[in-house]
């Protein structure tokens, strides 16, 4: 969970997915998926608080944004 929070902090500071990948926090595809989630859940809004670990974990069915079933979960979550 630490790498997701670290990536969210860097995203809130304006880092690109490529910069996050270059820092070896996570890959660009994973960072892009996390950015999508961060936008949906307003985690990237610097005026708001950082999300709790539980809030981040709750959106990943298997603990990873690229895990199988994420798309299905996302559809269920948005309806």
N, C-alpha and C. Protein backbone atom coordinates (compact mmCIF):
# COMPACT_ATOMS: atom_id res chain seq x y z
N UNK A 1 0.82 -1.19 0.00
CA UNK A 1 0.00 0.00 0.00
C UNK A 1 0.87 1.26 0.00
N UNK A 2 2.08 1.14 0.54
CA UNK A 2 2.96 2.30 0.63
C UNK A 2 3.24 2.91 -0.74
N UNK A 3 3.49 2.05 -1.75
CA UNK A 3 3.83 2.59 -3.07
C UNK A 3 2.66 3.35 -3.67
N UNK A 4 1.43 2.96 -3.37
CA UNK A 4 0.27 3.69 -3.90
C UNK A 4 0.18 5.07 -3.27
N UNK A 5 0.37 5.14 -1.96
CA UNK A 5 0.36 6.45 -1.28
C UNK A 5 1.49 7.32 -1.80
N UNK A 6 2.67 6.73 -1.95
CA UNK A 6 3.83 7.49 -2.44
C UNK A 6 3.55 8.02 -3.85
N UNK A 7 2.96 7.18 -4.70
CA UNK A 7 2.63 7.63 -6.06
C UNK A 7 1.57 8.73 -6.02
N UNK A 8 0.58 8.59 -5.16
CA UNK A 8 -0.46 9.63 -5.05
C UNK A 8 0.14 10.95 -4.59
N UNK A 9 1.06 10.90 -3.65
CA UNK A 9 1.73 12.13 -3.19
C UNK A 9 2.46 12.78 -4.36
N UNK A 10 3.18 11.98 -5.14
CA UNK A 10 3.92 12.53 -6.27
C UNK A 10 2.97 13.08 -7.33
N UNK A 11 1.83 12.41 -7.54
CA UNK A 11 0.84 12.91 -8.50
C UNK A 11 0.27 14.24 -8.03
N UNK A 12 0.01 14.34 -6.75
CA UNK A 12 -0.51 15.59 -6.20
C UNK A 12 0.51 16.71 -6.32
N UNK A 13 1.79 16.37 -6.38
CA UNK A 13 2.85 17.37 -6.55
C UNK A 13 3.08 17.72 -8.01
N UNK A 14 2.39 17.01 -8.91
CA UNK A 14 2.49 17.33 -10.33
C UNK A 14 3.37 16.40 -11.15
N UNK A 15 3.89 15.34 -10.54
CA UNK A 15 4.73 14.41 -11.30
C UNK A 15 3.91 13.65 -12.32
N UNK A 16 4.54 13.34 -13.45
CA UNK A 16 3.89 12.55 -14.50
C UNK A 16 4.03 11.06 -14.19
N UNK A 17 3.27 10.25 -14.92
CA UNK A 17 3.38 8.80 -14.77
C UNK A 17 4.80 8.34 -15.12
N UNK A 18 5.40 8.97 -16.12
CA UNK A 18 6.77 8.62 -16.51
C UNK A 18 7.75 8.94 -15.39
N UNK A 19 7.59 10.08 -14.73
CA UNK A 19 8.48 10.44 -13.62
C UNK A 19 8.33 9.46 -12.46
N UNK A 20 7.10 9.04 -12.20
CA UNK A 20 6.85 8.06 -11.13
C UNK A 20 7.50 6.73 -11.48
N UNK A 21 7.39 6.33 -12.74
CA UNK A 21 8.03 5.08 -13.19
C UNK A 21 9.55 5.20 -13.14
N UNK A 22 10.09 6.34 -13.55
CA UNK A 22 11.54 6.54 -13.52
C UNK A 22 12.07 6.49 -12.08
N UNK A 23 11.25 6.89 -11.12
CA UNK A 23 11.63 6.82 -9.71
C UNK A 23 11.47 5.40 -9.15
N UNK A 24 11.00 4.49 -9.99
CA UNK A 24 10.82 3.07 -9.63
C UNK A 24 9.79 2.86 -8.53
N UNK A 25 8.79 3.74 -8.49
CA UNK A 25 7.71 3.57 -7.52
C UNK A 25 6.73 2.53 -8.04
N UNK A 26 6.38 2.65 -9.32
CA UNK A 26 5.52 1.69 -10.01
C UNK A 26 5.64 1.95 -11.50
N UNK A 27 5.16 1.03 -12.31
CA UNK A 27 5.22 1.18 -13.75
C UNK A 27 4.26 2.24 -14.26
N UNK A 28 4.48 2.65 -15.50
CA UNK A 28 3.64 3.71 -16.08
C UNK A 28 2.19 3.28 -16.21
N UNK A 29 1.94 2.05 -16.60
CA UNK A 29 0.55 1.59 -16.74
C UNK A 29 -0.16 1.57 -15.39
N UNK A 30 0.52 1.09 -14.38
CA UNK A 30 -0.07 1.06 -13.05
C UNK A 30 -0.30 2.48 -12.55
N UNK A 31 0.65 3.36 -12.79
CA UNK A 31 0.50 4.76 -12.38
C UNK A 31 -0.69 5.40 -13.11
N UNK A 32 -0.85 5.07 -14.39
CA UNK A 32 -1.98 5.63 -15.14
C UNK A 32 -3.31 5.14 -14.57
N UNK A 33 -3.40 3.86 -14.22
CA UNK A 33 -4.63 3.34 -13.61
C UNK A 33 -4.88 3.99 -12.26
N UNK A 34 -3.82 4.16 -11.48
CA UNK A 34 -3.96 4.80 -10.17
C UNK A 34 -4.38 6.26 -10.35
N UNK A 35 -3.86 6.93 -11.37
CA UNK A 35 -4.26 8.31 -11.64
C UNK A 35 -5.76 8.39 -11.98
N UNK A 36 -6.25 7.42 -12.77
CA UNK A 36 -7.69 7.36 -13.08
C UNK A 36 -8.51 7.25 -11.80
N UNK A 37 -8.09 6.33 -10.94
CA UNK A 37 -8.79 6.15 -9.67
C UNK A 37 -8.69 7.40 -8.80
N UNK A 38 -7.50 7.98 -8.77
CA UNK A 38 -7.31 9.19 -7.98
C UNK A 38 -8.20 10.33 -8.43
N UNK A 39 -8.39 10.42 -9.73
CA UNK A 39 -9.28 11.45 -10.27
C UNK A 39 -10.72 11.16 -9.91
N UNK A 40 -11.14 9.91 -10.08
CA UNK A 40 -12.52 9.51 -9.76
C UNK A 40 -12.86 9.75 -8.29
N UNK A 41 -11.92 9.43 -7.41
CA UNK A 41 -12.18 9.50 -5.97
C UNK A 41 -11.69 10.81 -5.34
N UNK A 42 -11.24 11.74 -6.20
CA UNK A 42 -10.78 13.06 -5.75
C UNK A 42 -9.59 12.99 -4.80
N UNK A 43 -8.74 11.98 -4.98
CA UNK A 43 -7.54 11.84 -4.16
C UNK A 43 -6.44 12.77 -4.62
N UNK A 44 -6.53 13.27 -5.83
CA UNK A 44 -5.47 14.12 -6.38
C UNK A 44 -5.70 15.59 -6.08
N UNK A 45 -6.80 15.91 -5.43
CA UNK A 45 -7.11 17.29 -5.07
C UNK A 45 -6.22 17.70 -3.90
N UNK A 46 -5.28 18.61 -4.16
CA UNK A 46 -4.32 19.00 -3.12
C UNK A 46 -4.99 19.76 -1.97
N UNK A 47 -6.18 20.29 -2.20
CA UNK A 47 -6.88 21.00 -1.13
C UNK A 47 -7.47 20.02 -0.11
N UNK A 48 -7.67 18.78 -0.52
CA UNK A 48 -8.26 17.78 0.37
C UNK A 48 -7.18 16.95 1.04
N UNK A 49 -7.57 16.15 2.02
CA UNK A 49 -6.61 15.30 2.71
C UNK A 49 -6.21 14.09 1.86
N UNK A 50 -5.08 13.52 2.17
CA UNK A 50 -4.69 12.26 1.53
C UNK A 50 -5.67 11.18 1.98
N UNK A 51 -5.99 10.25 1.08
CA UNK A 51 -6.91 9.18 1.48
C UNK A 51 -6.25 8.24 2.50
N UNK A 52 -7.07 7.66 3.34
CA UNK A 52 -6.58 6.68 4.31
C UNK A 52 -6.18 5.40 3.58
N UNK A 53 -5.32 4.62 4.20
CA UNK A 53 -4.92 3.33 3.62
C UNK A 53 -6.14 2.48 3.30
N UNK A 54 -7.11 2.49 4.19
CA UNK A 54 -8.32 1.69 4.01
C UNK A 54 -9.12 2.14 2.79
N UNK A 55 -9.15 3.43 2.54
CA UNK A 55 -9.87 3.95 1.38
C UNK A 55 -9.20 3.53 0.09
N UNK A 56 -7.88 3.53 0.07
CA UNK A 56 -7.16 3.10 -1.12
C UNK A 56 -7.36 1.60 -1.33
N UNK A 57 -7.20 0.82 -0.28
CA UNK A 57 -7.34 -0.64 -0.38
C UNK A 57 -8.75 -1.04 -0.79
N UNK A 58 -9.74 -0.27 -0.40
CA UNK A 58 -11.13 -0.63 -0.68
C UNK A 58 -11.46 -0.64 -2.16
N UNK A 59 -10.74 0.13 -2.97
CA UNK A 59 -11.07 0.19 -4.39
C UNK A 59 -10.36 -0.88 -5.21
N UNK A 60 -9.42 -1.60 -4.61
CA UNK A 60 -8.71 -2.67 -5.32
C UNK A 60 -9.22 -4.03 -4.84
N UNK A 61 -9.92 -4.79 -5.68
CA UNK A 61 -10.45 -6.08 -5.23
C UNK A 61 -9.35 -7.05 -4.81
N UNK A 62 -8.20 -7.02 -5.48
CA UNK A 62 -7.11 -7.94 -5.16
C UNK A 62 -5.86 -7.19 -4.73
N UNK A 63 -6.01 -5.94 -4.30
CA UNK A 63 -4.89 -5.19 -3.80
C UNK A 63 -4.02 -4.53 -4.86
N UNK A 64 -4.47 -4.55 -6.12
CA UNK A 64 -3.64 -4.00 -7.19
C UNK A 64 -4.54 -3.44 -8.27
N UNK A 65 -4.28 -2.24 -8.78
CA UNK A 65 -5.17 -1.64 -9.78
C UNK A 65 -5.20 -2.39 -11.11
N UNK A 66 -4.20 -3.20 -11.41
CA UNK A 66 -4.21 -3.95 -12.66
C UNK A 66 -4.64 -5.40 -12.46
N UNK A 67 -5.13 -5.74 -11.28
CA UNK A 67 -5.54 -7.12 -10.99
C UNK A 67 -6.77 -7.49 -11.82
N UNK A 68 -6.87 -8.77 -12.20
CA UNK A 68 -8.09 -9.20 -12.90
C UNK A 68 -9.31 -8.89 -12.04
N UNK A 69 -10.36 -8.46 -12.67
CA UNK A 69 -11.58 -8.13 -11.94
C UNK A 69 -11.71 -6.66 -11.62
N UNK A 70 -10.64 -5.89 -11.80
CA UNK A 70 -10.72 -4.46 -11.49
C UNK A 70 -11.78 -3.79 -12.35
N UNK A 71 -11.78 -4.09 -13.65
CA UNK A 71 -12.77 -3.47 -14.54
C UNK A 71 -14.18 -3.80 -14.13
N UNK A 72 -14.41 -5.06 -13.76
CA UNK A 72 -15.74 -5.48 -13.31
C UNK A 72 -16.11 -4.74 -12.03
N UNK A 73 -15.16 -4.66 -11.09
CA UNK A 73 -15.40 -3.96 -9.84
C UNK A 73 -15.71 -2.50 -10.11
N UNK A 74 -14.97 -1.91 -11.02
CA UNK A 74 -15.16 -0.49 -11.33
C UNK A 74 -16.57 -0.26 -11.87
N UNK A 75 -17.04 -1.14 -12.73
CA UNK A 75 -18.40 -0.99 -13.28
C UNK A 75 -19.44 -1.12 -12.18
N UNK A 76 -19.23 -2.08 -11.28
CA UNK A 76 -20.18 -2.26 -10.17
C UNK A 76 -20.15 -1.05 -9.24
N UNK A 77 -18.93 -0.54 -8.99
CA UNK A 77 -18.77 0.57 -8.07
C UNK A 77 -19.42 1.86 -8.60
N UNK A 78 -19.38 2.06 -9.91
CA UNK A 78 -19.90 3.29 -10.47
C UNK A 78 -21.42 3.26 -10.63
N UNK A 79 -22.01 2.08 -10.64
CA UNK A 79 -23.48 1.99 -10.80
C UNK A 79 -24.21 2.19 -9.50
